[in-house]
Protein backbone atom coordinates (compact mmCIF):
# COMPACT_ATOMS: atom_id res chain seq x y z
CA MET A 1 129.89 106.24 84.54
CA PHE A 2 134.03 104.71 84.20
CA LYS A 3 135.14 102.09 85.65
CA ASN A 4 138.53 100.20 85.80
CA PHE A 5 140.04 103.19 85.81
CA LYS A 6 141.92 105.34 88.29
CA ALA A 7 140.76 108.86 88.55
CA SER A 8 142.97 112.31 89.05
CA GLU A 9 146.15 110.12 88.48
CA VAL A 10 148.18 109.70 85.26
CA GLN A 11 148.87 106.34 84.13
CA MET A 12 150.06 105.25 80.91
CA PHE A 13 147.12 103.91 79.46
CA ALA A 14 148.32 100.93 77.39
CA ASP A 15 149.53 99.47 80.30
CA LEU A 16 146.43 98.80 82.30
CA VAL A 17 145.58 95.72 79.73
CA HIS A 18 148.07 93.30 80.14
CA TYR A 19 149.23 89.87 77.60
CA GLN A 20 148.60 86.76 79.01
CA GLU A 21 149.25 83.15 76.50
CA GLY A 22 147.30 82.57 74.25
CA GLN A 23 144.52 85.17 74.67
CA VAL A 24 142.82 88.27 74.23
CA VAL A 25 143.03 90.36 77.03
CA SER A 26 140.04 93.09 77.51
CA LYS A 27 139.19 95.34 80.12
CA THR A 28 135.81 97.71 79.79
CA PHE A 29 136.50 101.20 80.45
CA ALA A 30 132.15 102.39 80.11
CA GLN A 31 129.92 100.34 77.72
CA ASP A 32 126.02 101.71 77.84
CA LYS A 33 123.05 101.92 75.47
CA HIS A 34 125.55 105.16 73.30
CA HIS A 35 129.10 103.92 73.96
CA SER A 36 131.42 101.37 75.02
CA LEU A 37 135.59 101.54 75.58
CA THR A 38 137.44 98.53 75.82
CA LEU A 39 141.37 98.32 76.29
CA PHE A 40 142.61 94.79 74.27
CA ALA A 41 145.79 93.18 74.28
CA PHE A 42 145.69 90.20 72.33
CA GLU A 43 148.51 87.60 72.14
CA LYS A 44 150.57 86.88 69.39
CA GLY A 45 148.04 84.88 66.92
CA GLU A 46 145.11 85.29 68.47
CA GLU A 47 141.98 87.21 67.27
CA ILE A 48 138.29 88.31 67.08
CA SER A 49 135.96 86.57 64.62
CA THR A 50 134.30 88.00 62.15
CA HIS A 51 131.46 89.59 63.07
CA ALA A 52 129.12 93.13 62.80
CA SER A 53 128.72 95.59 65.19
CA GLY A 54 125.25 98.29 65.72
CA GLY A 55 127.50 100.73 66.49
CA ASP A 56 130.44 102.48 64.22
CA ALA A 57 133.94 101.29 65.68
CA LEU A 58 136.73 103.49 65.75
CA VAL A 59 140.16 101.14 66.51
CA ILE A 60 142.73 102.95 67.91
CA ALA A 61 146.32 101.11 68.03
CA LEU A 62 148.59 101.55 70.81
CA ASP A 63 151.47 98.86 70.77
CA GLY A 64 152.26 96.28 68.21
CA VAL A 65 150.91 95.16 64.56
CA GLY A 66 147.30 93.93 64.08
CA GLU A 67 145.30 93.10 61.12
CA VAL A 68 142.01 94.30 61.07
CA THR A 69 139.61 92.76 57.64
CA ILE A 70 137.28 95.21 57.11
CA ASP A 71 133.93 94.04 54.55
CA GLY A 72 137.05 91.29 53.14
CA ARG A 73 139.32 93.92 53.38
CA LYS A 74 142.91 93.98 54.47
CA PHE A 75 144.13 96.77 56.49
CA SER A 76 147.32 96.46 58.91
CA LEU A 77 147.87 98.83 61.90
CA GLY A 78 150.80 99.98 64.09
CA ALA A 79 151.10 101.93 67.08
CA GLY A 80 149.27 105.14 66.35
CA GLU A 81 147.29 104.60 63.77
CA SER A 82 143.60 103.85 63.45
CA ILE A 83 140.58 102.76 61.21
CA LEU A 84 136.65 102.72 61.80
CA MET A 85 134.77 99.71 61.27
CA PRO A 86 131.47 101.17 60.23
CA SER A 87 128.00 99.62 62.31
CA ASN A 88 126.25 97.15 60.28
CA VAL A 89 129.18 96.41 57.86
CA ALA A 90 131.70 92.45 58.70
CA HIS A 91 135.13 92.22 60.17
CA SER A 92 137.66 90.66 62.23
CA VAL A 93 140.59 91.24 64.29
CA TYR A 94 144.19 89.15 64.35
CA ALA A 95 147.42 89.74 66.04
CA PRO A 96 150.26 88.50 63.22
CA GLU A 97 152.54 89.59 66.36
CA ARG A 98 151.48 91.33 69.98
CA PHE A 99 149.03 94.29 69.49
CA LYS A 100 147.25 96.35 72.10
CA MET A 101 144.17 98.26 70.75
CA PHE A 102 141.88 100.53 72.32
CA LEU A 103 137.94 100.48 70.57
CA VAL A 104 135.36 103.02 71.43
CA VAL A 105 131.83 101.92 69.80
CA SER A 106 129.34 104.58 69.21
CA PHE A 107 125.54 103.13 69.10
């Protein structure tokens, strides 16, 4: 079931999470044993450190520029671009400038 999202109402998706100084802010819309749907706002210079996930993780960039590292390879993402981080492969996300992304994980 969805949470943190108003039904039957048009919303500006990227505006559902706000930048905060010195933080990575997240808002989860759904999470169960099959899926996780989370919106993130990274302040400039913030990151999610290297880790691996048990599911395939799709990053969809919404605002700014983010740097995604997958198995040691760096990729730059801008608004409208996306990349798939495969399950059980080390990855991280860094914001060289403010960056918003939607993360869809399928387990």
